[in-house]
Every structure is written in structure tokens, then in C-alpha cells.
Amino acid sequence: MQQISKEKEQQYQQYMELEKEVMSTLAKVRQYEASMTQLKRNIQKCQITLKELGSIDEQKTYQPVGKCFILKSKKDITNEVIEIIKSHEKDIDEYEKVRQHLITKGKEKETQLQEAMKALKI
């Protein structure tokens, strides 16, 4: 009788660990999705900035840095904004790969969790 209860206890512990891993993986997926959303917003802001920079002639332009502004040429600001967009797009691609990996990993853990539930007959 003691042997059966120990086996069940181990199965319950495995079940609980799998459940924690599934929840942790889902939380990580949500974090990556939130980061990707923020990067996409930043890209949109940069595109608006580029559009507005395109409408002005060569004149004094200022780049905001915190609470102050730095005088820079239109070309320099445009190049910096383009580099920011490229960097964010690269980050989004990397985050998407990690997100897809986490989703796959989460589905595997969910399958293991369902098998554990069947073994415990929950």
C-alpha cells in the first residue's frame, strides 16, 4: 500500500512540475509578443519621423535626447532613424523565432501534461 502511494506522489510531483513549465513557457511567449508589439510601435514612430523629415528642406534640425535637443543635419537624423528601423526589424525576426520555439516547446509540455493527467486519471 505504501509503495502505491509513493508512486502516485511521484506522479503528482511530475504533473505539478510539468504544469509549472507550461505556465512559465506561456508567460515567456506573452513577454516576447509584448516586446514585438513595442518594437513594431517604435518602427511606426520612426516611419512617421522619416515622413516628416522628407517634407522639410535642408535647414536646422534637432534630435531629441532626453529633455534636450541636439543640432544635427537632416541626413544624419534620417540615417539614424533608418538604422533604428533596421535594428528593430532584425530584433522582431529574432523574437519571432524564439517565440515559435517556445510555442513548440509549450505544446510538447502540454502533451506531456495531458499524458500525466491520464496516468493519474484526473
PDB file of N, CA and C in Angstrom:
ATOM      1  N   MET A   1       0.822  -1.191   0.000  1.00  0.00           N
ATOM      2  CA  MET A   1       0.000   0.000   0.000  1.00  0.00           C
ATOM      3  C   MET A   1       0.865   1.254   0.000  1.00  0.00           C
ATOM      4  N   GLN A   2       1.933   1.241   0.805  1.00  0.00           N
ATOM      5  CA  GLN A   2       2.843   2.376   0.850  1.00  0.00           C
ATOM      6  C   GLN A   2       3.517   2.592  -0.500  1.00  0.00           C
ATOM      7  N   GLN A   3       3.851   1.508  -1.203  1.00  0.00           N
ATOM      8  CA  GLN A   3       4.528   1.596  -2.498  1.00  0.00           C
ATOM      9  C   GLN A   3       3.645   2.310  -3.515  1.00  0.00           C
ATOM     10  N   ILE A   4       2.377   2.018  -3.539  1.00  0.00           N
ATOM     11  CA  ILE A   4       1.451   2.641  -4.494  1.00  0.00           C
ATOM     12  C   ILE A   4       1.324   4.129  -4.208  1.00  0.00           C
ATOM     13  N   SER A   5       1.225   4.507  -2.970  1.00  0.00           N
ATOM     14  CA  SER A   5       1.069   5.913  -2.643  1.00  0.00           C
ATOM     15  C   SER A   5       2.343   6.704  -2.989  1.00  0.00           C
ATOM     16  N   LYS A   6       3.506   6.096  -2.839  1.00  0.00           N
ATOM     17  CA  LYS A   6       4.742   6.770  -3.215  1.00  0.00           C
ATOM     18  C   LYS A   6       4.800   6.989  -4.730  1.00  0.00           C
ATOM     19  N   GLU A   7       4.355   5.996  -5.469  1.00  0.00           N
ATOM     20  CA  GLU A   7       4.335   6.135  -6.930  1.00  0.00           C
ATOM     21  C   GLU A   7       3.372   7.248  -7.347  1.00  0.00           C
ATOM     22  N   LYS A   8       2.212   7.268  -6.733  1.00  0.00           N
ATOM     23  CA  LYS A   8       1.232   8.318  -7.026  1.00  0.00           C
ATOM     24  C   LYS A   8       1.789   9.697  -6.655  1.00  0.00           C
ATOM     25  N   GLU A   9       2.484   9.749  -5.535  1.00  0.00           N
ATOM     26  CA  GLU A   9       3.068  11.016  -5.093  1.00  0.00           C
ATOM     27  C   GLU A   9       4.102  11.506  -6.104  1.00  0.00           C
ATOM     28  N   GLN A  10       4.922  10.606  -6.610  1.00  0.00           N
ATOM     29  CA  GLN A  10       5.902  10.975  -7.626  1.00  0.00           C
ATOM     30  C   GLN A  10       5.213  11.447  -8.906  1.00  0.00           C
ATOM     31  N   GLN A  11       4.138  10.763  -9.277  1.00  0.00           N
ATOM     32  CA  GLN A  11       3.380  11.162 -10.461  1.00  0.00           C
ATOM     33  C   GLN A  11       2.776  12.559 -10.274  1.00  0.00           C
ATOM     34  N   TYR A  12       2.263  12.828  -9.107  1.00  0.00           N
ATOM     35  CA  TYR A  12       1.710  14.152  -8.814  1.00  0.00           C
ATOM     36  C   TYR A  12       2.795  15.222  -8.889  1.00  0.00           C
ATOM     37  N   GLN A  13       3.970  14.914  -8.354  1.00  0.00           N
ATOM     38  CA  GLN A  13       5.074  15.874  -8.409  1.00  0.00           C
ATOM     39  C   GLN A  13       5.482  16.147  -9.853  1.00  0.00           C
ATOM     40  N   GLN A  14       5.553  15.104 -10.660  1.00  0.00           N
ATOM     41  CA  GLN A  14       5.885  15.278 -12.074  1.00  0.00           C
ATOM     42  C   GLN A  14       4.824  16.120 -12.770  1.00  0.00           C
ATOM     43  N   TYR A  15       3.575  15.845 -12.432  1.00  0.00           N
ATOM     44  CA  TYR A  15       2.465  16.601 -13.003  1.00  0.00           C
ATOM     45  C   TYR A  15       2.584  18.084 -12.645  1.00  0.00           C
ATOM     46  N   MET A  16       2.864  18.363 -11.385  1.00  0.00           N
ATOM     47  CA  MET A  16       2.979  19.749 -10.933  1.00  0.00           C
ATOM     48  C   MET A  16       4.155  20.453 -11.608  1.00  0.00           C
ATOM     49  N   GLU A  17       5.273  19.759 -11.771  1.00  0.00           N
ATOM     50  CA  GLU A  17       6.436  20.340 -12.443  1.00  0.00           C
ATOM     51  C   GLU A  17       6.118  20.651 -13.906  1.00  0.00           C
ATOM     52  N   LEU A  18       5.443  19.735 -14.566  1.00  0.00           N
ATOM     53  CA  LEU A  18       5.058  19.958 -15.959  1.00  0.00           C
ATOM     54  C   LEU A  18       4.110  21.144 -16.075  1.00  0.00           C
ATOM     55  N   GLU A  19       3.189  21.250 -15.136  1.00  0.00           N
ATOM     56  CA  GLU A  19       2.246  22.361 -15.159  1.00  0.00           C
ATOM     57  C   GLU A  19       2.975  23.698 -14.974  1.00  0.00           C
ATOM     58  N   LYS A  20       3.957  23.732 -14.081  1.00  0.00           N
ATOM     59  CA  LYS A  20       4.751  24.949 -13.876  1.00  0.00           C
ATOM     60  C   LYS A  20       5.521  25.310 -15.145  1.00  0.00           C
ATOM     61  N   GLU A  21       6.094  24.310 -15.801  1.00  0.00           N
ATOM     62  CA  GLU A  21       6.853  24.553 -17.028  1.00  0.00           C
ATOM     63  C   GLU A  21       5.956  25.098 -18.132  1.00  0.00           C
ATOM     64  N   VAL A  22       4.746  24.555 -18.249  1.00  0.00           N
ATOM     65  CA  VAL A  22       3.800  25.037 -19.261  1.00  0.00           C
ATOM     66  C   VAL A  22       3.438  26.494 -18.986  1.00  0.00           C
ATOM     67  N   MET A  23       3.147  26.804 -17.735  1.00  0.00           N
ATOM     68  CA  MET A  23       2.788  28.179 -17.380  1.00  0.00           C
ATOM     69  C   MET A  23       3.962  29.137 -17.622  1.00  0.00           C
ATOM     70  N   SER A  24       5.150  28.701 -17.277  1.00  0.00           N
ATOM     71  CA  SER A  24       6.345  29.517 -17.483  1.00  0.00           C
ATOM     72  C   SER A  24       6.571  29.778 -18.973  1.00  0.00           C
ATOM     73  N   THR A  25       6.416  28.763 -19.783  1.00  0.00           N
ATOM     74  CA  THR A  25       6.593  28.909 -21.225  1.00  0.00           C
ATOM     75  C   THR A  25       5.563  29.864 -21.804  1.00  0.00           C
ATOM     76  N   LEU A  26       4.326  29.747 -21.376  1.00  0.00           N
ATOM     77  CA  LEU A  26       3.282  30.652 -21.864  1.00  0.00           C
ATOM     78  C   LEU A  26       3.568  32.098 -21.458  1.00  0.00           C
ATOM     79  N   ALA A  27       4.093  32.288 -20.263  1.00  0.00           N
ATOM     80  CA  ALA A  27       4.440  33.642 -19.808  1.00  0.00           C
ATOM     81  C   ALA A  27       5.562  34.222 -20.665  1.00  0.00           C
ATOM     82  N   LYS A  28       6.547  33.399 -21.003  1.00  0.00           N
ATOM     83  CA  LYS A  28       7.642  33.858 -21.858  1.00  0.00           C
ATOM     84  C   LYS A  28       7.134  34.229 -23.249  1.00  0.00           C
ATOM     85  N   VAL A  29       6.210  33.427 -23.774  1.00  0.00           N
ATOM     86  CA  VAL A  29       5.622  33.730 -25.097  1.00  0.00           C
ATOM     87  C   VAL A  29       4.932  35.088 -25.046  1.00  0.00           C
ATOM     88  N   ARG A  30       4.174  35.339 -23.991  1.00  0.00           N
ATOM     89  CA  ARG A  30       3.484  36.634 -23.844  1.00  0.00           C
ATOM     90  C   ARG A  30       4.484  37.783 -23.756  1.00  0.00           C
ATOM     91  N   GLN A  31       5.592  37.571 -23.059  1.00  0.00           N
ATOM     92  CA  GLN A  31       6.616  38.616 -22.951  1.00  0.00           C
ATOM     93  C   GLN A  31       7.221  38.928 -24.313  1.00  0.00           C
ATOM     94  N   TYR A  32       7.514  37.899 -25.084  1.00  0.00           N
ATOM     95  CA  TYR A  32       8.070  38.123 -26.417  1.00  0.00           C
ATOM     96  C   TYR A  32       7.059  38.829 -27.322  1.00  0.00           C
ATOM     97  N   GLU A  33       5.798  38.449 -27.208  1.00  0.00           N
ATOM     98  CA  GLU A  33       4.771  39.113 -28.009  1.00  0.00           C
ATOM     99  C   GLU A  33       4.663  40.590 -27.643  1.00  0.00           C
ATOM    100  N   ALA A  34       4.735  40.893 -26.352  1.00  0.00           N
ATOM    101  CA  ALA A  34       4.673  42.290 -25.916  1.00  0.00           C
ATOM    102  C   ALA A  34       5.884  43.072 -26.425  1.00  0.00           C
ATOM    103  N   SER A  35       7.056  42.452 -26.371  1.00  0.00           N
ATOM    104  CA  SER A  35       8.265  43.110 -26.880  1.00  0.00           C
ATOM    105  C   SER A  35       8.157  43.364 -28.375  1.00  0.00           C
ATOM    106  N   MET A  36       7.636  42.403 -29.103  1.00  0.00           N
ATOM    107  CA  MET A  36       7.472  42.562 -30.551  1.00  0.00           C
ATOM    108  C   MET A  36       6.487  43.687 -30.858  1.00  0.00           C
ATOM    109  N   THR A  37       5.425  43.771 -30.097  1.00  0.00           N
ATOM    110  CA  THR A  37       4.442  44.836 -30.291  1.00  0.00           C
ATOM    111  C   THR A  37       5.080  46.198 -30.050  1.00  0.00           C
ATOM    112  N   GLN A  38       5.885  46.309 -28.999  1.00  0.00           N
ATOM    113  CA  GLN A  38       6.552  47.572 -28.702  1.00  0.00           C
ATOM    114  C   GLN A  38       7.530  47.948 -29.811  1.00  0.00           C
ATOM    115  N   LEU A  39       8.270  46.978 -30.329  1.00  0.00           N
ATOM    116  CA  LEU A  39       9.197  47.259 -31.420  1.00  0.00           C
ATOM    117  C   LEU A  39       8.450  47.713 -32.675  1.00  0.00           C
ATOM    118  N   LYS A  40       7.312  47.094 -32.937  1.00  0.00           N
ATOM    119  CA  LYS A  40       6.516  47.498 -34.104  1.00  0.00           C
ATOM    120  C   LYS A  40       6.009  48.931 -33.946  1.00  0.00           C
ATOM    121  N   ARG A  41       5.630  49.296 -32.739  1.00  0.00           N
ATOM    122  CA  ARG A  41       5.209  50.681 -32.487  1.00  0.00           C
ATOM    123  C   ARG A  41       6.361  51.655 -32.721  1.00  0.00           C
ATOM    124  N   ASN A  42       7.533  51.268 -32.256  1.00  0.00           N
ATOM    125  CA  ASN A  42       8.701  52.122 -32.458  1.00  0.00           C
ATOM    126  C   ASN A  42       9.025  52.281 -33.947  1.00  0.00           C
ATOM    127  N   ILE A  43       8.855  51.222 -34.704  1.00  0.00           N
ATOM    128  CA  ILE A  43       9.072  51.298 -36.152  1.00  0.00           C
ATOM    129  C   ILE A  43       8.081  52.275 -36.769  1.00  0.00           C
ATOM    130  N   GLN A  44       6.834  52.202 -36.349  1.00  0.00           N
ATOM    131  CA  GLN A  44       5.833  53.130 -36.873  1.00  0.00           C
ATOM    132  C   GLN A  44       6.188  54.574 -36.538  1.00  0.00           C
ATOM    133  N   LYS A  45       6.664  54.830 -35.334  1.00  0.00           N
ATOM    134  CA  LYS A  45       7.083  56.176 -34.946  1.00  0.00           C
ATOM    135  C   LYS A  45       8.239  56.655 -35.825  1.00  0.00           C
ATOM    136  N   CYS A  46       9.183  55.763 -36.064  1.00  0.00           N
ATOM    137  CA  CYS A  46      10.322  56.122 -36.914  1.00  0.00           C
ATOM    138  C   CYS A  46       9.877  56.411 -38.338  1.00  0.00           C
ATOM    139  N   GLN A  47       8.923  55.649 -38.836  1.00  0.00           N
ATOM    140  CA  GLN A  47       8.417  55.891 -40.190  1.00  0.00           C
ATOM    141  C   GLN A  47       7.721  57.245 -40.276  1.00  0.00           C
ATOM    142  N   ILE A  48       7.011  57.619 -39.247  1.00  0.00           N
ATOM    143  CA  ILE A  48       6.383  58.945 -39.209  1.00  0.00           C
ATOM    144  C   ILE A  48       7.455  60.026 -39.197  1.00  0.00           C
ATOM    145  N   THR A  49       8.504  59.799 -38.416  1.00  0.00           N
ATOM    146  CA  THR A  49       9.614  60.755 -38.367  1.00  0.00           C
ATOM    147  C   THR A  49      10.252  60.912 -39.737  1.00  0.00           C
ATOM    148  N   LEU A  50      10.483  59.789 -40.429  1.00  0.00           N
ATOM    149  CA  LEU A  50      11.070  59.850 -41.775  1.00  0.00           C
ATOM    150  C   LEU A  50      10.172  60.614 -42.737  1.00  0.00           C
ATOM    151  N   LYS A  51       8.875  60.374 -42.619  1.00  0.00           N
ATOM    152  CA  LYS A  51       7.917  61.071 -43.488  1.00  0.00           C
ATOM    153  C   LYS A  51       7.994  62.581 -43.256  1.00  0.00           C
ATOM    154  N   GLU A  52       8.034  62.973 -42.004  1.00  0.00           N
ATOM    155  CA  GLU A  52       8.096  64.399 -41.682  1.00  0.00           C
ATOM    156  C   GLU A  52       9.440  65.002 -42.091  1.00  0.00           C
ATOM    157  N   LEU A  53      10.517  64.236 -41.932  1.00  0.00           N
ATOM    158  CA  LEU A  53      11.827  64.733 -42.361  1.00  0.00           C
ATOM    159  C   LEU A  53      11.881  64.929 -43.876  1.00  0.00           C
ATOM    160  N   GLY A  54      11.156  64.092 -44.589  1.00  0.00           N
ATOM    161  CA  GLY A  54      11.126  64.206 -46.045  1.00  0.00           C
ATOM    162  C   GLY A  54      10.427  65.464 -46.513  1.00  0.00           C
ATOM    163  N   SER A  55       9.575  66.026 -45.691  1.00  0.00           N
ATOM    164  CA  SER A  55       8.807  67.200 -46.102  1.00  0.00           C
ATOM    165  C   SER A  55       9.526  68.517 -45.829  1.00  0.00           C
ATOM    166  N   ILE A  56      10.682  68.457 -45.164  1.00  0.00           N
ATOM    167  CA  ILE A  56      11.395  69.707 -44.880  1.00  0.00           C
ATOM    168  C   ILE A  56      12.641  69.821 -45.757  1.00  0.00           C
ATOM    169  N   ASP A  57      13.047  71.037 -46.015  1.00  0.00           N
ATOM    170  CA  ASP A  57      14.270  71.289 -46.773  1.00  0.00           C
ATOM    171  C   ASP A  57      15.460  71.171 -45.833  1.00  0.00           C
ATOM    172  N   GLU A  58      16.649  71.343 -46.419  1.00  0.00           N
ATOM    173  CA  GLU A  58      17.850  71.363 -45.586  1.00  0.00           C
ATOM    174  C   GLU A  58      17.822  72.612 -44.718  1.00  0.00           C
ATOM    175  N   GLN A  59      17.534  72.424 -43.484  1.00  0.00           N
ATOM    176  CA  GLN A  59      17.513  73.511 -42.516  1.00  0.00           C
ATOM    177  C   GLN A  59      17.948  72.943 -41.182  1.00  0.00           C
ATOM    178  N   LYS A  60      17.971  73.757 -40.180  1.00  0.00           N
ATOM    179  CA  LYS A  60      18.375  73.279 -38.866  1.00  0.00           C
ATOM    180  C   LYS A  60      17.386  72.225 -38.386  1.00  0.00           C
ATOM    181  N   THR A  61      17.918  71.092 -37.997  1.00  0.00           N
ATOM    182  CA  THR A  61      17.078  70.037 -37.429  1.00  0.00           C
ATOM    183  C   THR A  61      17.683  69.635 -36.089  1.00  0.00           C
ATOM    184  N   TYR A  62      16.806  69.290 -35.189  1.00  0.00           N
ATOM    185  CA  TYR A  62      17.227  68.929 -33.840  1.00  0.00           C
ATOM    186  C   TYR A  62      16.732  67.534 -33.514  1.00  0.00           C
ATOM    187  N   GLN A  63      17.605  66.781 -32.884  1.00  0.00           N
ATOM    188  CA  GLN A  63      17.239  65.445 -32.446  1.00  0.00           C
ATOM    189  C   GLN A  63      17.020  65.481 -30.940  1.00  0.00           C
ATOM    190  N   PRO A  64      15.849  64.978 -30.478  1.00  0.00           N
ATOM    191  CA  PRO A  64      15.608  64.992 -29.032  1.00  0.00           C
ATOM    192  C   PRO A  64      16.466  63.945 -28.320  1.00  0.00           C
ATOM    193  N   VAL A  65      17.056  64.359 -27.224  1.00  0.00           N
ATOM    194  CA  VAL A  65      17.825  63.462 -26.369  1.00  0.00           C
ATOM    195  C   VAL A  65      17.401  63.783 -24.940  1.00  0.00           C
ATOM    196  N   GLY A  66      16.535  62.945 -24.409  1.00  0.00           N
ATOM    197  CA  GLY A  66      16.016  63.215 -23.072  1.00  0.00           C
ATOM    198  C   GLY A  66      15.205  64.489 -23.081  1.00  0.00           C
ATOM    199  N   LYS A  67      15.608  65.445 -22.271  1.00  0.00           N
ATOM    200  CA  LYS A  67      14.884  66.718 -22.193  1.00  0.00           C
ATOM    201  C   LYS A  67      15.571  67.824 -22.991  1.00  0.00           C
ATOM    202  N   CYS A  68      16.606  67.467 -23.750  1.00  0.00           N
ATOM    203  CA  CYS A  68      17.295  68.482 -24.545  1.00  0.00           C
ATOM    204  C   CYS A  68      17.281  68.087 -26.019  1.00  0.00           C
ATOM    205  N   PHE A  69      17.792  68.947 -26.861  1.00  0.00           N
ATOM    206  CA  PHE A  69      17.824  68.715 -28.296  1.00  0.00           C
ATOM    207  C   PHE A  69      19.241  68.969 -28.802  1.00  0.00           C
ATOM    208  N   ILE A  70      19.655  68.167 -29.761  1.00  0.00           N
ATOM    209  CA  ILE A  70      20.985  68.297 -30.346  1.00  0.00           C
ATOM    210  C   ILE A  70      20.826  68.681 -31.814  1.00  0.00           C
ATOM    211  N   LEU A  71      21.554  69.698 -32.227  1.00  0.00           N
ATOM    212  CA  LEU A  71      21.524  70.152 -33.613  1.00  0.00           C
ATOM    213  C   LEU A  71      22.265  69.137 -34.473  1.00  0.00           C
ATOM    214  N   LYS A  72      21.562  68.604 -35.462  1.00  0.00           N
ATOM    215  CA  LYS A  72      22.153  67.632 -36.391  1.00  0.00           C
ATOM    216  C   LYS A  72      21.619  67.917 -37.784  1.00  0.00           C
ATOM    217  N   SER A  73      22.337  67.403 -38.757  1.00  0.00           N
ATOM    218  CA  SER A  73      21.863  67.585 -40.122  1.00  0.00           C
ATOM    219  C   SER A  73      20.706  66.620 -40.386  1.00  0.00           C
ATOM    220  N   LYS A  74      19.890  66.990 -41.334  1.00  0.00           N
ATOM    221  CA  LYS A  74      18.739  66.162 -41.706  1.00  0.00           C
ATOM    222  C   LYS A  74      19.214  64.785 -42.147  1.00  0.00           C
ATOM    223  N   LYS A  75      20.316  64.741 -42.893  1.00  0.00           N
ATOM    224  CA  LYS A  75      20.861  63.475 -43.391  1.00  0.00           C
ATOM    225  C   LYS A  75      21.260  62.556 -42.233  1.00  0.00           C
ATOM    226  N   ASP A  76      21.928  63.114 -41.216  1.00  0.00           N
ATOM    227  CA  ASP A  76      22.349  62.303 -40.071  1.00  0.00           C
ATOM    228  C   ASP A  76      21.157  61.737 -39.312  1.00  0.00           C
ATOM    229  N   ILE A  77      20.169  62.565 -39.099  1.00  0.00           N
ATOM    230  CA  ILE A  77      18.976  62.096 -38.375  1.00  0.00           C
ATOM    231  C   ILE A  77      18.264  61.018 -39.187  1.00  0.00           C
ATOM    232  N   THR A  78      18.137  61.238 -40.494  1.00  0.00           N
ATOM    233  CA  THR A  78      17.482  60.256 -41.363  1.00  0.00           C
ATOM    234  C   THR A  78      18.223  58.927 -41.312  1.00  0.00           C
ATOM    235  N   ASN A  79      19.537  58.961 -41.403  1.00  0.00           N
ATOM    236  CA  ASN A  79      20.331  57.723 -41.354  1.00  0.00           C
ATOM    237  C   ASN A  79      20.169  57.004 -40.015  1.00  0.00           C
ATOM    238  N   GLU A  80      20.155  57.749 -38.933  1.00  0.00           N
ATOM    239  CA  GLU A  80      19.975  57.140 -37.613  1.00  0.00           C
ATOM    240  C   GLU A  80      18.603  56.482 -37.487  1.00  0.00           C
ATOM    241  N   VAL A  81      17.582  57.152 -37.985  1.00  0.00           N
ATOM    242  CA  VAL A  81      16.225  56.598 -37.911  1.00  0.00           C
ATOM    243  C   VAL A  81      16.129  55.327 -38.760  1.00  0.00           C
ATOM    244  N   ILE A  82      16.739  55.341 -39.937  1.00  0.00           N
ATOM    245  CA  ILE A  82      16.731  54.146 -40.793  1.00  0.00           C
ATOM    246  C   ILE A  82      17.449  52.995 -40.101  1.00  0.00           C
ATOM    247  N   GLU A  83      18.563  53.274 -39.439  1.00  0.00           N
ATOM    248  CA  GLU A  83      19.284  52.233 -38.713  1.00  0.00           C
ATOM    249  C   GLU A  83      18.450  51.686 -37.551  1.00  0.00           C
ATOM    250  N   ILE A  84      17.724  52.557 -36.884  1.00  0.00           N
ATOM    251  CA  ILE A  84      16.849  52.107 -35.790  1.00  0.00           C
ATOM    252  C   ILE A  84      15.779  51.161 -36.342  1.00  0.00           C
ATOM    253  N   ILE A  85      15.188  51.523 -37.469  1.00  0.00           N
ATOM    254  CA  ILE A  85      14.160  50.672 -38.085  1.00  0.00           C
ATOM    255  C   ILE A  85      14.749  49.313 -38.427  1.00  0.00           C
ATOM    256  N   LYS A  86      15.923  49.286 -39.064  1.00  0.00           N
ATOM    257  CA  LYS A  86      16.562  48.012 -39.429  1.00  0.00           C
ATOM    258  C   LYS A  86      16.853  47.174 -38.200  1.00  0.00           C
ATOM    259  N   SER A  87      17.343  47.823 -37.159  1.00  0.00           N
ATOM    260  CA  SER A  87      17.655  47.114 -35.927  1.00  0.00           C
ATOM    261  C   SER A  87      16.405  46.502 -35.301  1.00  0.00           C
ATOM    262  N   HIS A  88      15.323  47.282 -35.266  1.00  0.00           N
ATOM    263  CA  HIS A  88      14.071  46.779 -34.697  1.00  0.00           C
ATOM    264  C   HIS A  88      13.502  45.628 -35.532  1.00  0.00           C
ATOM    265  N   GLU A  89      13.596  45.735 -36.842  1.00  0.00           N
ATOM    266  CA  GLU A  89      13.095  44.659 -37.702  1.00  0.00           C
ATOM    267  C   GLU A  89      13.902  43.380 -37.479  1.00  0.00           C
ATOM    268  N   LYS A  90      15.214  43.519 -37.314  1.00  0.00           N
ATOM    269  CA  LYS A  90      16.065  42.361 -37.027  1.00  0.00           C
ATOM    270  C   LYS A  90      15.669  41.743 -35.689  1.00  0.00           C
ATOM    271  N   ASP A  91      15.455  42.581 -34.679  1.00  0.00           N
ATOM    272  CA  ASP A  91      15.049  42.097 -33.359  1.00  0.00           C
ATOM    273  C   ASP A  91      13.705  41.379 -33.424  1.00  0.00           C
ATOM    274  N   ILE A  92      12.777  41.924 -34.201  1.00  0.00           N
ATOM    275  CA  ILE A  92      11.458  41.296 -34.338  1.00  0.00           C
ATOM    276  C   ILE A  92      11.602  39.904 -34.945  1.00  0.00           C
ATOM    277  N   ASP A  93      12.449  39.770 -35.973  1.00  0.00           N
ATOM    278  CA  ASP A  93      12.671  38.457 -36.582  1.00  0.00           C
ATOM    279  C   ASP A  93      13.245  37.467 -35.574  1.00  0.00           C
ATOM    280  N   GLU A  94      14.220  37.921 -34.788  1.00  0.00           N
ATOM    281  CA  GLU A  94      14.814  37.041 -33.781  1.00  0.00           C
ATOM    282  C   GLU A  94      13.790  36.660 -32.711  1.00  0.00           C
ATOM    283  N   TYR A  95      13.012  37.635 -32.263  1.00  0.00           N
ATOM    284  CA  TYR A  95      11.991  37.362 -31.252  1.00  0.00           C
ATOM    285  C   TYR A  95      10.948  36.386 -31.786  1.00  0.00           C
ATOM    286  N   GLU A  96      10.607  36.517 -33.053  1.00  0.00           N
ATOM    287  CA  GLU A  96       9.614  35.614 -33.644  1.00  0.00           C
ATOM    288  C   GLU A  96      10.134  34.179 -33.664  1.00  0.00           C
ATOM    289  N   LYS A  97      11.416  34.008 -33.982  1.00  0.00           N
ATOM    290  CA  LYS A  97      11.996  32.659 -33.974  1.00  0.00           C
ATOM    291  C   LYS A  97      11.954  32.066 -32.570  1.00  0.00           C
ATOM    292  N   VAL A  98      12.341  32.851 -31.583  1.00  0.00           N
ATOM    293  CA  VAL A  98      12.324  32.368 -30.194  1.00  0.00           C
ATOM    294  C   VAL A  98      10.894  32.077 -29.766  1.00  0.00           C
ATOM    295  N   ARG A  99       9.971  32.958 -30.144  1.00  0.00           N
ATOM    296  CA  ARG A  99       8.555  32.779 -29.793  1.00  0.00           C
ATOM    297  C   ARG A  99       8.015  31.473 -30.374  1.00  0.00           C
ATOM    298  N   GLN A 100       8.342  31.206 -31.649  1.00  0.00           N
ATOM    299  CA  GLN A 100       7.884  29.966 -32.282  1.00  0.00           C
ATOM    300  C   GLN A 100       8.486  28.745 -31.582  1.00  0.00           C
ATOM    301  N   HIS A 101       9.753  28.842 -31.197  1.00  0.00           N
ATOM    302  CA  HIS A 101      10.389  27.744 -30.467  1.00  0.00           C
ATOM    303  C   HIS A 101       9.688  27.510 -29.130  1.00  0.00           C
ATOM    304  N   LEU A 102       9.374  28.590 -28.439  1.00  0.00           N
ATOM    305  CA  LEU A 102       8.693  28.464 -27.146  1.00  0.00           C
ATOM    306  C   LEU A 102       7.291  27.875 -27.312  1.00  0.00           C
ATOM    307  N   ILE A 103       6.603  28.269 -28.374  1.00  0.00           N
ATOM    308  CA  ILE A 103       5.264  27.714 -28.623  1.00  0.00           C
ATOM    309  C   ILE A 103       5.356  26.217 -28.860  1.00  0.00           C
ATOM    310  N   THR A 104       6.334  25.800 -29.671  1.00  0.00           N
ATOM    311  CA  THR A 104       6.524  24.373 -29.936  1.00  0.00           C
ATOM    312  C   THR A 104       6.847  23.629 -28.645  1.00  0.00           C
ATOM    313  N   LYS A 105       7.746  24.205 -27.861  1.00  0.00           N
ATOM    314  CA  LYS A 105       8.127  23.612 -26.580  1.00  0.00           C
ATOM    315  C   LYS A 105       6.918  23.529 -25.652  1.00  0.00           C
ATOM    316  N   GLY A 106       6.099  24.577 -25.642  1.00  0.00           N
ATOM    317  CA  GLY A 106       4.904  24.595 -24.801  1.00  0.00           C
ATOM    318  C   GLY A 106       3.908  23.527 -25.196  1.00  0.00           C
ATOM    319  N   LYS A 107       3.745  23.323 -26.498  1.00  0.00           N
ATOM    320  CA  LYS A 107       2.816  22.282 -26.970  1.00  0.00           C
ATOM    321  C   LYS A 107       3.302  20.898 -26.574  1.00  0.00           C
ATOM    322  N   GLU A 108       4.626  20.694 -26.641  1.00  0.00           N
ATOM    323  CA  GLU A 108       5.177  19.406 -26.211  1.00  0.00           C
ATOM    324  C   GLU A 108       4.912  19.181 -24.724  1.00  0.00           C
ATOM    325  N   LYS A 109       5.122  20.226 -23.930  1.00  0.00           N
ATOM    326  CA  LYS A 109       4.891  20.113 -22.484  1.00  0.00           C
ATOM    327  C   LYS A 109       3.410  19.894 -22.182  1.00  0.00           C
ATOM    328  N   GLU A 110       2.532  20.540 -22.963  1.00  0.00           N
ATOM    329  CA  GLU A 110       1.097  20.331 -22.763  1.00  0.00           C
ATOM    330  C   GLU A 110       0.717  18.890 -23.066  1.00  0.00           C
ATOM    331  N   THR A 111       1.327  18.323 -24.103  1.00  0.00           N
ATOM    332  CA  THR A 111       1.071  16.924 -24.442  1.00  0.00           C
ATOM    333  C   THR A 111       1.543  16.023 -23.301  1.00  0.00           C
ATOM    334  N   GLN A 112       2.722  16.299 -22.775  1.00  0.00           N
ATOM    335  CA  GLN A 112       3.232  15.520 -21.644  1.00  0.00           C
ATOM    336  C   GLN A 112       2.323  15.676 -20.423  1.00  0.00           C
ATOM    337  N   LEU A 113       1.818  16.887 -20.235  1.00  0.00           N
ATOM    338  CA  LEU A 113       0.917  17.154 -19.117  1.00  0.00           C
ATOM    339  C   LEU A 113      -0.375  16.354 -19.262  1.00  0.00           C
ATOM    340  N   GLN A 114      -0.916  16.303 -20.471  1.00  0.00           N
ATOM    341  CA  GLN A 114      -2.137  15.528 -20.710  1.00  0.00           C
ATOM    342  C   GLN A 114      -1.891  14.042 -20.471  1.00  0.00           C
ATOM    343  N   GLU A 115      -0.719  13.565 -20.884  1.00  0.00           N
ATOM    344  CA  GLU A 115      -0.389  12.162 -20.639  1.00  0.00           C
ATOM    345  C   GLU A 115      -0.266  11.886 -19.138  1.00  0.00           C
ATOM    346  N   ALA A 116       0.323  12.825 -18.416  1.00  0.00           N
ATOM    347  CA  ALA A 116       0.444  12.672 -16.961  1.00  0.00           C
ATOM    348  C   ALA A 116      -0.928  12.661 -16.311  1.00  0.00           C
ATOM    349  N   MET A 117      -1.842  13.513 -16.835  1.00  0.00           N
ATOM    350  CA  MET A 117      -3.204  13.539 -16.283  1.00  0.00           C
ATOM    351  C   MET A 117      -3.904  12.204 -16.513  1.00  0.00           C
ATOM    352  N   LYS A 118      -3.691  11.631 -17.705  1.00  0.00           N
ATOM    353  CA  LYS A 118      -4.300  10.337 -17.996  1.00  0.00           C
ATOM    354  C   LYS A 118      -3.732   9.254 -17.081  1.00  0.00           C
ATOM    355  N   ALA A 119      -2.416   9.317 -16.818  1.00  0.00           N
ATOM    356  CA  ALA A 119      -1.786   8.333 -15.943  1.00  0.00           C
ATOM    357  C   ALA A 119      -2.327   8.431 -14.521  1.00  0.00           C
ATOM    358  N   LEU A 120      -2.607   9.674 -14.110  1.00  0.00           N
ATOM    359  CA  LEU A 120      -3.156   9.881 -12.759  1.00  0.00           C
ATOM    360  C   LEU A 120      -4.671   9.731 -12.742  1.00  0.00           C
ATOM    361  N   LYS A 121      -5.256   9.701 -13.931  1.00  0.00           N
ATOM    362  CA  LYS A 121      -6.718   9.572 -14.078  1.00  0.00           C
ATOM    363  C   LYS A 121      -7.433  10.757 -13.432  1.00  0.00           C
ATOM    364  N   ILE A 122      -6.936  11.964 -13.785  1.00  0.00           N
ATOM    365  CA  ILE A 122      -7.544  13.198 -13.259  1.00  0.00           C
ATOM    366  C   ILE A 122      -8.667  13.590 -14.181  1.00  0.00           C
TER     367      ILE A 122
END
